[in-house]
Amino acid sequence: MLRSFYRKHFNYGEHYFPMEISTTIFMDKDTIFEEIFYKKPIFNDTFPEEVRNFEIPEDIEIEEIKW
């Protein structure tokens, strides 16, 4: 089982970004704790042209993997 909490949200335009994320993973004989803290998030609003218009080349074979 896994439990995550998102706290102290930062308003960025129309979106909210959590400044603190804490996750607890419960396993049979152990528990894992993970905490992530953001201090000064920087958002990149503009992506290069090659990223915005990326297309997979036609000669590339795509394999679907089931989770």
C-alpha atoms as a PDB file:
ATOM      1  CA  MET A   1       0.000   0.000   0.000  1.00  0.00           C
ATOM      2  CA  LEU A   2       1.158   3.514  -0.733  1.00  0.00           C
ATOM      3  CA  ARG A   3       0.067   6.849   0.701  1.00  0.00           C
ATOM      4  CA  SER A   4       1.098  10.278  -0.595  1.00  0.00           C
ATOM      5  CA  PHE A   5       0.406  13.787   0.674  1.00  0.00           C
ATOM      6  CA  TYR A   6       0.810  16.998  -1.325  1.00  0.00           C
ATOM      7  CA  ARG A   7       1.159  20.201   0.687  1.00  0.00           C
ATOM      8  CA  LYS A   8       1.870  23.934   0.417  1.00  0.00           C
ATOM      9  CA  HIS A   9       0.719  24.394  -3.154  1.00  0.00           C
ATOM     10  CA  PHE A  10       2.226  27.144  -5.278  1.00  0.00           C
ATOM     11  CA  ASN A  11      -0.133  28.852  -7.720  1.00  0.00           C
ATOM     12  CA  TYR A  12       1.373  29.035 -11.200  1.00  0.00           C
ATOM     13  CA  GLY A  13      -1.057  30.437 -13.755  1.00  0.00           C
ATOM     14  CA  GLU A  14      -4.005  28.048 -13.894  1.00  0.00           C
ATOM     15  CA  HIS A  15      -2.139  25.264 -12.104  1.00  0.00           C
ATOM     16  CA  TYR A  16      -1.117  24.461  -8.555  1.00  0.00           C
ATOM     17  CA  PHE A  17       2.237  22.841  -7.854  1.00  0.00           C
ATOM     18  CA  PRO A  18       2.934  21.132  -4.485  1.00  0.00           C
ATOM     19  CA  MET A  19       5.970  22.470  -2.679  1.00  0.00           C
ATOM     20  CA  GLU A  20       6.063  19.433  -0.363  1.00  0.00           C
ATOM     21  CA  ILE A  21       5.385  15.807  -1.251  1.00  0.00           C
ATOM     22  CA  SER A  22       5.585  13.019   1.301  1.00  0.00           C
ATOM     23  CA  THR A  23       5.094   9.370   0.430  1.00  0.00           C
ATOM     24  CA  THR A  24       4.877   6.319   2.663  1.00  0.00           C
ATOM     25  CA  ILE A  25       5.162   2.839   1.184  1.00  0.00           C
ATOM     26  CA  PHE A  26       3.965   0.019   3.416  1.00  0.00           C
ATOM     27  CA  MET A  27       5.447  -3.411   2.712  1.00  0.00           C
ATOM     28  CA  ASP A  28       5.171  -6.751   4.505  1.00  0.00           C
ATOM     29  CA  LYS A  29       8.132  -6.247   6.824  1.00  0.00           C
ATOM     30  CA  ASP A  30       9.238  -2.718   6.135  1.00  0.00           C
ATOM     31  CA  THR A  31       8.057   0.845   5.541  1.00  0.00           C
ATOM     32  CA  ILE A  32       9.700   3.392   3.263  1.00  0.00           C
ATOM     33  CA  PHE A  33       9.351   7.136   3.841  1.00  0.00           C
ATOM     34  CA  GLU A  34      10.161   9.668   1.138  1.00  0.00           C
ATOM     35  CA  GLU A  35       9.906  13.454   1.346  1.00  0.00           C
ATOM     36  CA  ILE A  36      10.474  15.980  -1.430  1.00  0.00           C
ATOM     37  CA  PHE A  37      10.756  19.703  -0.718  1.00  0.00           C
ATOM     38  CA  TYR A  38      10.886  22.406  -3.405  1.00  0.00           C
ATOM     39  CA  LYS A  39      12.295  25.780  -2.402  1.00  0.00           C
ATOM     40  CA  LYS A  40      12.418  27.910  -5.558  1.00  0.00           C
ATOM     41  CA  PRO A  41      10.661  26.180  -8.450  1.00  0.00           C
ATOM     42  CA  ILE A  42      11.455  27.484 -11.914  1.00  0.00           C
ATOM     43  CA  PHE A  43       9.045  26.771 -14.752  1.00  0.00           C
ATOM     44  CA  ASN A  44      10.042  26.694 -18.389  1.00  0.00           C
ATOM     45  CA  ASP A  45       7.078  28.103 -20.304  1.00  0.00           C
ATOM     46  CA  THR A  46       8.618  27.866 -23.728  1.00  0.00           C
ATOM     47  CA  PHE A  47       9.844  24.657 -25.284  1.00  0.00           C
ATOM     48  CA  PRO A  48      12.149  24.565 -28.306  1.00  0.00           C
ATOM     49  CA  GLU A  49      10.499  24.108 -31.688  1.00  0.00           C
ATOM     50  CA  GLU A  50      11.846  20.550 -32.029  1.00  0.00           C
ATOM     51  CA  VAL A  51      10.146  19.568 -28.764  1.00  0.00           C
ATOM     52  CA  ARG A  52       6.795  21.204 -29.531  1.00  0.00           C
ATOM     53  CA  ASN A  53       6.572  19.629 -32.973  1.00  0.00           C
ATOM     54  CA  PHE A  54       8.230  16.290 -32.225  1.00  0.00           C
ATOM     55  CA  GLU A  55       7.057  13.378 -34.334  1.00  0.00           C
ATOM     56  CA  ILE A  56       8.234   9.793 -34.110  1.00  0.00           C
ATOM     57  CA  PRO A  57      10.054   8.915 -37.335  1.00  0.00           C
ATOM     58  CA  GLU A  58       8.114   6.589 -39.629  1.00  0.00           C
ATOM     59  CA  ASP A  59      10.864   3.951 -39.681  1.00  0.00           C
ATOM     60  CA  ILE A  60      10.758   3.485 -35.887  1.00  0.00           C
ATOM     61  CA  GLU A  61       8.943   0.436 -34.551  1.00  0.00           C
ATOM     62  CA  ILE A  62       6.911   1.064 -31.413  1.00  0.00           C
ATOM     63  CA  GLU A  63       6.365  -1.744 -28.944  1.00  0.00           C
ATOM     64  CA  GLU A  64       3.491  -1.537 -26.483  1.00  0.00           C
ATOM     65  CA  ILE A  65       4.289  -2.928 -23.031  1.00  0.00           C
ATOM     66  CA  LYS A  66       1.466  -3.790 -20.648  1.00  0.00           C
ATOM     67  CA  TRP A  67       1.918  -2.773 -17.019  1.00  0.00           C
END
